[in-house]
């Protein structure tokens, strides 16, 4: 995701880009307290994925599954 994507989300919900990123990271952090199989499939370097690592994983999965 680039900055304009975050801005679009922020504008849609009437919040700041900083709040969008904070909320996304909080959701990821919550999912990794007790990660299930699918959560463990995400490649990341630290204790849990960053927003960018998570979004990149999802984007790769979408592009792989949508090839005809």
N, C-alpha and C. Protein backbone atom coordinates (compact mmCIF):
# COMPACT_ATOMS: atom_id res chain seq x y z
N UNK A 1 0.85 -1.18 0.00
CA UNK A 1 0.00 0.00 0.00
C UNK A 1 0.89 1.23 0.00
N UNK A 2 0.43 2.23 -0.72
CA UNK A 2 1.19 3.47 -0.68
C UNK A 2 0.41 4.52 0.11
N UNK A 3 1.00 5.65 0.28
CA UNK A 3 0.41 6.69 1.13
C UNK A 3 -0.99 7.10 0.65
N UNK A 4 -1.21 7.13 -0.65
CA UNK A 4 -2.53 7.54 -1.15
C UNK A 4 -3.61 6.52 -0.78
N UNK A 5 -3.24 5.24 -0.70
CA UNK A 5 -4.20 4.23 -0.27
C UNK A 5 -4.63 4.49 1.18
N UNK A 6 -3.64 4.78 2.02
CA UNK A 6 -3.96 5.08 3.42
C UNK A 6 -4.81 6.35 3.51
N UNK A 7 -4.50 7.34 2.68
CA UNK A 7 -5.29 8.59 2.69
C UNK A 7 -6.74 8.34 2.29
N UNK A 8 -6.95 7.48 1.29
CA UNK A 8 -8.31 7.16 0.87
C UNK A 8 -9.10 6.51 2.00
N UNK A 9 -8.47 5.58 2.68
CA UNK A 9 -9.12 4.92 3.81
C UNK A 9 -9.41 5.92 4.91
N UNK A 10 -8.43 6.74 5.22
CA UNK A 10 -8.60 7.75 6.28
C UNK A 10 -9.74 8.70 5.94
N UNK A 11 -9.77 9.17 4.71
CA UNK A 11 -10.83 10.10 4.29
C UNK A 11 -12.20 9.44 4.38
N UNK A 12 -12.28 8.20 3.95
CA UNK A 12 -13.56 7.47 3.98
C UNK A 12 -14.12 7.37 5.40
N UNK A 13 -13.24 7.16 6.37
CA UNK A 13 -13.68 6.97 7.75
C UNK A 13 -13.52 8.20 8.63
N UNK A 14 -13.05 9.29 8.05
CA UNK A 14 -12.92 10.53 8.80
C UNK A 14 -11.87 10.49 9.90
N UNK A 15 -10.77 9.79 9.62
CA UNK A 15 -9.69 9.70 10.59
C UNK A 15 -8.37 10.04 9.89
N UNK A 16 -7.29 10.07 10.65
CA UNK A 16 -5.99 10.40 10.07
C UNK A 16 -5.30 9.14 9.54
N UNK A 17 -4.30 9.35 8.70
CA UNK A 17 -3.50 8.23 8.19
C UNK A 17 -2.83 7.52 9.37
N UNK A 18 -2.36 8.28 10.33
CA UNK A 18 -1.72 7.70 11.51
C UNK A 18 -2.69 6.76 12.24
N UNK A 19 -3.96 7.18 12.35
CA UNK A 19 -4.96 6.34 13.01
C UNK A 19 -5.24 5.07 12.20
N UNK A 20 -5.27 5.19 10.88
CA UNK A 20 -5.48 4.02 10.02
C UNK A 20 -4.37 3.00 10.27
N UNK A 21 -3.14 3.46 10.22
CA UNK A 21 -2.01 2.56 10.43
C UNK A 21 -2.01 1.97 11.83
N UNK A 22 -2.33 2.78 12.82
CA UNK A 22 -2.38 2.29 14.20
C UNK A 22 -3.44 1.20 14.33
N UNK A 23 -4.62 1.43 13.76
CA UNK A 23 -5.70 0.45 13.85
C UNK A 23 -5.35 -0.85 13.12
N UNK A 24 -4.70 -0.71 11.96
CA UNK A 24 -4.30 -1.90 11.22
C UNK A 24 -3.28 -2.71 12.01
N UNK A 25 -2.30 -2.04 12.60
CA UNK A 25 -1.28 -2.76 13.37
C UNK A 25 -1.90 -3.39 14.61
N UNK A 26 -2.86 -2.72 15.26
CA UNK A 26 -3.53 -3.31 16.42
C UNK A 26 -4.26 -4.58 16.03
N UNK A 27 -4.91 -4.58 14.86
CA UNK A 27 -5.62 -5.77 14.40
C UNK A 27 -4.64 -6.91 14.13
N UNK A 28 -3.53 -6.60 13.51
CA UNK A 28 -2.51 -7.62 13.24
C UNK A 28 -1.95 -8.15 14.55
N UNK A 29 -1.63 -7.25 15.47
CA UNK A 29 -1.10 -7.67 16.77
C UNK A 29 -2.06 -8.61 17.49
N UNK A 30 -3.35 -8.29 17.45
CA UNK A 30 -4.36 -9.14 18.10
C UNK A 30 -4.41 -10.53 17.48
N UNK A 31 -4.29 -10.58 16.17
CA UNK A 31 -4.34 -11.87 15.47
C UNK A 31 -3.13 -12.74 15.80
N UNK A 32 -2.04 -12.13 16.20
CA UNK A 32 -0.82 -12.89 16.46
C UNK A 32 -0.60 -13.21 17.93
N UNK A 33 -1.58 -12.97 18.78
CA UNK A 33 -1.49 -13.41 20.17
C UNK A 33 -1.52 -14.94 20.19
N UNK A 34 -2.46 -15.51 19.46
CA UNK A 34 -2.56 -16.96 19.27
C UNK A 34 -2.79 -17.22 17.78
N UNK A 35 -1.76 -17.14 16.96
CA UNK A 35 -1.95 -17.24 15.51
C UNK A 35 -2.40 -18.63 15.06
N UNK A 36 -3.35 -18.64 14.14
CA UNK A 36 -3.80 -19.91 13.57
C UNK A 36 -2.90 -20.27 12.38
N UNK A 37 -3.24 -21.36 11.70
CA UNK A 37 -2.44 -21.84 10.57
C UNK A 37 -2.25 -20.75 9.53
N UNK A 38 -3.33 -20.07 9.15
CA UNK A 38 -3.26 -19.07 8.10
C UNK A 38 -2.39 -17.88 8.51
N UNK A 39 -2.47 -17.50 9.76
CA UNK A 39 -1.64 -16.39 10.24
C UNK A 39 -0.17 -16.77 10.21
N UNK A 40 0.13 -18.01 10.50
CA UNK A 40 1.53 -18.45 10.50
C UNK A 40 2.10 -18.57 9.09
N UNK A 41 1.26 -18.54 8.07
CA UNK A 41 1.73 -18.61 6.67
C UNK A 41 2.34 -17.29 6.20
N UNK A 42 2.05 -16.20 6.90
CA UNK A 42 2.58 -14.89 6.51
C UNK A 42 4.06 -14.84 6.86
N UNK A 43 4.88 -14.43 5.91
CA UNK A 43 6.32 -14.31 6.17
C UNK A 43 6.61 -12.95 6.81
N UNK A 44 7.29 -12.98 7.93
CA UNK A 44 7.64 -11.74 8.62
C UNK A 44 8.92 -11.95 9.39
N UNK A 45 9.55 -10.86 9.75
CA UNK A 45 10.87 -10.95 10.38
C UNK A 45 10.86 -10.82 11.89
N UNK A 46 9.94 -10.08 12.47
CA UNK A 46 9.93 -9.87 13.91
C UNK A 46 9.02 -10.85 14.62
N UNK A 47 8.47 -10.41 15.75
CA UNK A 47 7.53 -11.24 16.52
C UNK A 47 6.20 -11.40 15.81
N UNK A 48 5.84 -10.39 15.04
CA UNK A 48 4.59 -10.39 14.28
C UNK A 48 4.78 -9.50 13.06
N UNK A 49 3.97 -9.68 12.04
CA UNK A 49 4.19 -8.90 10.82
C UNK A 49 3.88 -7.42 10.99
N UNK A 50 4.59 -6.63 10.21
CA UNK A 50 4.27 -5.22 10.12
C UNK A 50 3.10 -5.08 9.16
N UNK A 51 2.54 -3.90 9.07
CA UNK A 51 1.46 -3.65 8.13
C UNK A 51 1.92 -3.99 6.71
N UNK A 52 3.09 -3.52 6.34
CA UNK A 52 3.60 -3.76 4.99
C UNK A 52 3.81 -5.25 4.70
N UNK A 53 4.36 -5.97 5.66
CA UNK A 53 4.55 -7.41 5.47
C UNK A 53 3.22 -8.12 5.28
N UNK A 54 2.24 -7.75 6.09
CA UNK A 54 0.93 -8.38 6.01
C UNK A 54 0.23 -8.05 4.70
N UNK A 55 0.22 -6.78 4.33
CA UNK A 55 -0.44 -6.35 3.09
C UNK A 55 0.25 -6.99 1.88
N UNK A 56 1.58 -7.05 1.89
CA UNK A 56 2.29 -7.68 0.77
C UNK A 56 1.93 -9.16 0.65
N UNK A 57 1.80 -9.84 1.77
CA UNK A 57 1.40 -11.25 1.74
C UNK A 57 0.01 -11.40 1.13
N UNK A 58 -0.92 -10.58 1.57
CA UNK A 58 -2.30 -10.65 1.05
C UNK A 58 -2.31 -10.35 -0.44
N UNK A 59 -1.57 -9.34 -0.86
CA UNK A 59 -1.52 -8.98 -2.28
C UNK A 59 -0.96 -10.13 -3.11
N UNK A 60 0.09 -10.80 -2.61
CA UNK A 60 0.64 -11.95 -3.34
C UNK A 60 -0.38 -13.07 -3.44
N UNK A 61 -1.10 -13.32 -2.35
CA UNK A 61 -2.12 -14.38 -2.35
C UNK A 61 -3.23 -14.07 -3.34
N UNK A 62 -3.66 -12.82 -3.38
CA UNK A 62 -4.73 -12.43 -4.31
C UNK A 62 -4.26 -12.59 -5.74
N UNK A 63 -3.05 -12.11 -6.04
CA UNK A 63 -2.57 -12.19 -7.43
C UNK A 63 -2.34 -13.64 -7.84
N UNK A 64 -1.91 -14.49 -6.93
CA UNK A 64 -1.68 -15.89 -7.24
C UNK A 64 -3.01 -16.61 -7.49
N UNK A 65 -4.01 -16.33 -6.68
CA UNK A 65 -5.30 -17.01 -6.79
C UNK A 65 -6.16 -16.50 -7.94
N UNK A 66 -5.85 -15.34 -8.47
CA UNK A 66 -6.68 -14.77 -9.53
C UNK A 66 -6.08 -14.93 -10.92
N UNK A 67 -5.07 -15.76 -11.07
CA UNK A 67 -4.51 -16.00 -12.40
C UNK A 67 -5.39 -16.99 -13.14
N UNK A 68 -5.68 -16.69 -14.39
CA UNK A 68 -6.58 -17.55 -15.17
C UNK A 68 -5.80 -18.39 -16.14
